[in-house]
């Protein structure tokens, strides 16, 4: 099995680039279709929630900056 299909590399890739690493999961021959679907849904949901948290944090930082600027 090539190095880019090893579990450790796929976990590292998902941690670094998130959903951009999904093709590695789908091209991996030893993973069943059910696992591929479950992993895809999990990664997409986690990425979406992290995106939403980031957007909310930026809005809060802008509000706090405006409060400090007004003092």
N, C-alpha and C. Protein backbone atom coordinates (compact mmCIF):
# COMPACT_ATOMS: atom_id res chain seq x y z
N UNK A 1 0.86 -1.18 0.00
CA UNK A 1 0.00 0.00 0.00
C UNK A 1 0.90 1.24 0.00
N UNK A 2 0.64 2.21 -0.89
CA UNK A 2 1.44 3.42 -0.94
C UNK A 2 1.35 4.23 0.36
N UNK A 3 2.36 5.03 0.63
CA UNK A 3 2.44 5.81 1.87
C UNK A 3 1.27 6.78 2.02
N UNK A 4 0.73 7.28 0.93
CA UNK A 4 -0.34 8.26 1.01
C UNK A 4 -1.70 7.64 1.32
N UNK A 5 -1.79 6.32 1.38
CA UNK A 5 -3.02 5.65 1.79
C UNK A 5 -2.93 5.14 3.23
N UNK A 6 -1.82 5.36 3.89
CA UNK A 6 -1.70 4.93 5.29
C UNK A 6 -2.58 5.80 6.17
N UNK A 7 -3.14 5.19 7.19
CA UNK A 7 -4.06 5.88 8.09
C UNK A 7 -3.42 7.10 8.73
N UNK A 8 -2.18 6.97 9.16
CA UNK A 8 -1.51 8.09 9.82
C UNK A 8 -1.37 9.28 8.88
N UNK A 9 -1.06 9.04 7.62
CA UNK A 9 -0.94 10.15 6.68
C UNK A 9 -2.29 10.79 6.39
N UNK A 10 -3.33 9.99 6.29
CA UNK A 10 -4.67 10.53 6.02
C UNK A 10 -5.14 11.37 7.20
N UNK A 11 -4.91 10.90 8.42
CA UNK A 11 -5.28 11.68 9.61
C UNK A 11 -4.52 13.00 9.63
N UNK A 12 -3.22 12.96 9.33
CA UNK A 12 -2.41 14.17 9.27
C UNK A 12 -2.93 15.12 8.20
N UNK A 13 -3.26 14.60 7.04
CA UNK A 13 -3.77 15.44 5.94
C UNK A 13 -5.10 16.09 6.31
N UNK A 14 -5.99 15.33 6.93
CA UNK A 14 -7.29 15.88 7.33
C UNK A 14 -7.09 16.96 8.38
N UNK A 15 -6.15 16.74 9.31
CA UNK A 15 -5.89 17.74 10.35
C UNK A 15 -5.31 19.02 9.76
N UNK A 16 -4.55 18.89 8.70
CA UNK A 16 -3.90 20.07 8.10
C UNK A 16 -4.79 20.81 7.11
N UNK A 17 -5.46 20.10 6.25
CA UNK A 17 -6.22 20.76 5.17
C UNK A 17 -7.71 20.43 5.17
N UNK A 18 -8.17 19.71 6.17
CA UNK A 18 -9.59 19.43 6.32
C UNK A 18 -10.20 18.70 5.14
N UNK A 19 -11.30 19.22 4.62
CA UNK A 19 -12.02 18.50 3.57
C UNK A 19 -11.25 18.38 2.25
N UNK A 20 -10.18 19.11 2.11
CA UNK A 20 -9.38 18.96 0.88
C UNK A 20 -8.68 17.60 0.83
N UNK A 21 -8.63 16.91 1.95
CA UNK A 21 -8.00 15.58 2.00
C UNK A 21 -9.00 14.46 1.73
N UNK A 22 -10.26 14.78 1.50
CA UNK A 22 -11.27 13.75 1.27
C UNK A 22 -10.96 12.81 0.09
N UNK A 23 -10.37 13.29 -0.99
CA UNK A 23 -10.04 12.33 -2.07
C UNK A 23 -9.12 11.20 -1.62
N UNK A 24 -8.24 11.46 -0.65
CA UNK A 24 -7.40 10.38 -0.15
C UNK A 24 -8.23 9.28 0.48
N UNK A 25 -9.30 9.67 1.16
CA UNK A 25 -10.18 8.67 1.78
C UNK A 25 -10.94 7.91 0.70
N UNK A 26 -11.44 8.62 -0.30
CA UNK A 26 -12.25 7.96 -1.33
C UNK A 26 -11.42 7.10 -2.27
N UNK A 27 -10.16 7.43 -2.49
CA UNK A 27 -9.31 6.62 -3.36
C UNK A 27 -8.66 5.45 -2.63
N UNK A 28 -8.75 5.42 -1.30
CA UNK A 28 -8.13 4.34 -0.52
C UNK A 28 -8.91 3.05 -0.76
N UNK A 29 -8.25 2.04 -1.30
CA UNK A 29 -8.98 0.82 -1.70
C UNK A 29 -9.47 -0.04 -0.53
N UNK A 30 -8.84 0.02 0.64
CA UNK A 30 -9.21 -0.87 1.73
C UNK A 30 -10.34 -0.35 2.61
N UNK A 31 -10.83 0.84 2.37
CA UNK A 31 -11.90 1.41 3.17
C UNK A 31 -13.24 1.12 2.50
N UNK A 32 -14.20 0.65 3.31
CA UNK A 32 -15.52 0.32 2.73
C UNK A 32 -16.28 1.60 2.39
N UNK A 33 -17.25 1.46 1.51
CA UNK A 33 -18.05 2.61 1.08
C UNK A 33 -18.79 3.24 2.26
N UNK A 34 -19.28 2.44 3.18
CA UNK A 34 -19.99 2.97 4.34
C UNK A 34 -19.07 3.85 5.20
N UNK A 35 -17.84 3.40 5.42
CA UNK A 35 -16.87 4.20 6.18
C UNK A 35 -16.53 5.48 5.44
N UNK A 36 -16.38 5.39 4.14
CA UNK A 36 -16.06 6.58 3.34
C UNK A 36 -17.15 7.63 3.47
N UNK A 37 -18.40 7.19 3.40
CA UNK A 37 -19.53 8.12 3.52
C UNK A 37 -19.58 8.71 4.92
N UNK A 38 -19.41 7.85 5.94
CA UNK A 38 -19.45 8.33 7.32
C UNK A 38 -18.32 9.32 7.60
N UNK A 39 -17.12 9.02 7.15
CA UNK A 39 -15.99 9.92 7.35
C UNK A 39 -16.19 11.24 6.62
N UNK A 40 -16.72 11.17 5.42
CA UNK A 40 -16.99 12.38 4.65
C UNK A 40 -17.99 13.27 5.38
N UNK A 41 -19.09 12.68 5.84
CA UNK A 41 -20.09 13.46 6.55
C UNK A 41 -19.52 14.06 7.83
N UNK A 42 -18.75 13.28 8.57
CA UNK A 42 -18.15 13.78 9.79
C UNK A 42 -17.18 14.93 9.55
N UNK A 43 -16.34 14.79 8.54
CA UNK A 43 -15.35 15.83 8.23
C UNK A 43 -16.05 17.09 7.74
N UNK A 44 -17.06 16.94 6.90
CA UNK A 44 -17.78 18.12 6.40
C UNK A 44 -18.52 18.82 7.53
N UNK A 45 -19.17 18.07 8.42
CA UNK A 45 -19.88 18.69 9.54
C UNK A 45 -18.91 19.39 10.50
N UNK A 46 -17.79 18.75 10.79
CA UNK A 46 -16.79 19.38 11.65
C UNK A 46 -16.22 20.64 11.01
N UNK A 47 -15.93 20.59 9.72
CA UNK A 47 -15.40 21.76 9.02
C UNK A 47 -16.40 22.90 9.02
N UNK A 48 -17.68 22.58 8.81
CA UNK A 48 -18.72 23.61 8.80
C UNK A 48 -18.85 24.26 10.17
N UNK A 49 -18.83 23.46 11.22
CA UNK A 49 -18.97 24.03 12.57
C UNK A 49 -17.75 24.87 12.92
N UNK A 50 -16.56 24.45 12.53
CA UNK A 50 -15.36 25.26 12.77
C UNK A 50 -15.41 26.57 11.99
N UNK A 51 -15.93 26.51 10.78
CA UNK A 51 -16.09 27.73 9.98
C UNK A 51 -17.06 28.69 10.67
N UNK A 52 -18.19 28.16 11.14
CA UNK A 52 -19.18 29.00 11.81
C UNK A 52 -18.60 29.63 13.08
N UNK A 53 -17.82 28.87 13.83
CA UNK A 53 -17.20 29.41 15.04
C UNK A 53 -16.20 30.51 14.70
N UNK A 54 -15.47 30.33 13.62
CA UNK A 54 -14.50 31.34 13.20
C UNK A 54 -15.19 32.63 12.81
N UNK A 55 -16.27 32.52 12.04
CA UNK A 55 -17.02 33.71 11.62
C UNK A 55 -17.58 34.44 12.83
N UNK A 56 -18.13 33.70 13.78
CA UNK A 56 -18.68 34.31 14.99
C UNK A 56 -17.58 35.00 15.80
N UNK A 57 -16.42 34.39 15.88
CA UNK A 57 -15.30 34.99 16.60
C UNK A 57 -14.85 36.30 15.96
N UNK A 58 -14.81 36.32 14.65
CA UNK A 58 -14.42 37.55 13.95
C UNK A 58 -15.44 38.65 14.22
N UNK A 59 -16.72 38.32 14.21
CA UNK A 59 -17.75 39.32 14.51
C UNK A 59 -17.61 39.85 15.94
N UNK A 60 -17.35 38.97 16.89
CA UNK A 60 -17.16 39.40 18.27
C UNK A 60 -15.94 40.29 18.42
N UNK A 61 -14.86 39.93 17.74
CA UNK A 61 -13.66 40.76 17.80
C UNK A 61 -13.91 42.15 17.21
N UNK A 62 -14.67 42.22 16.13
CA UNK A 62 -15.02 43.52 15.54
C UNK A 62 -15.85 44.35 16.51
N UNK A 63 -16.81 43.70 17.19
CA UNK A 63 -17.64 44.42 18.17
C UNK A 63 -16.79 44.95 19.32
N UNK A 64 -15.88 44.10 19.84
CA UNK A 64 -15.02 44.54 20.94
C UNK A 64 -14.10 45.69 20.49
N UNK A 65 -13.62 45.60 19.28
CA UNK A 65 -12.76 46.67 18.77
C UNK A 65 -13.53 47.98 18.68
N UNK A 66 -14.77 47.92 18.24
CA UNK A 66 -15.60 49.11 18.17
C UNK A 66 -15.85 49.69 19.55
N UNK A 67 -16.06 48.83 20.55
CA UNK A 67 -16.22 49.31 21.93
C UNK A 67 -14.96 50.00 22.43
N UNK A 68 -13.82 49.42 22.16
CA UNK A 68 -12.56 50.04 22.59
C UNK A 68 -12.30 51.35 21.85
N UNK A 69 -12.65 51.37 20.61
CA UNK A 69 -12.44 52.57 19.79
C UNK A 69 -13.33 53.71 20.27
N UNK A 70 -14.52 53.40 20.78
CA UNK A 70 -15.45 54.42 21.24
C UNK A 70 -15.12 54.99 22.59
N UNK A 71 -14.24 54.36 23.36
CA UNK A 71 -13.92 54.84 24.70
C UNK A 71 -13.06 56.07 24.69
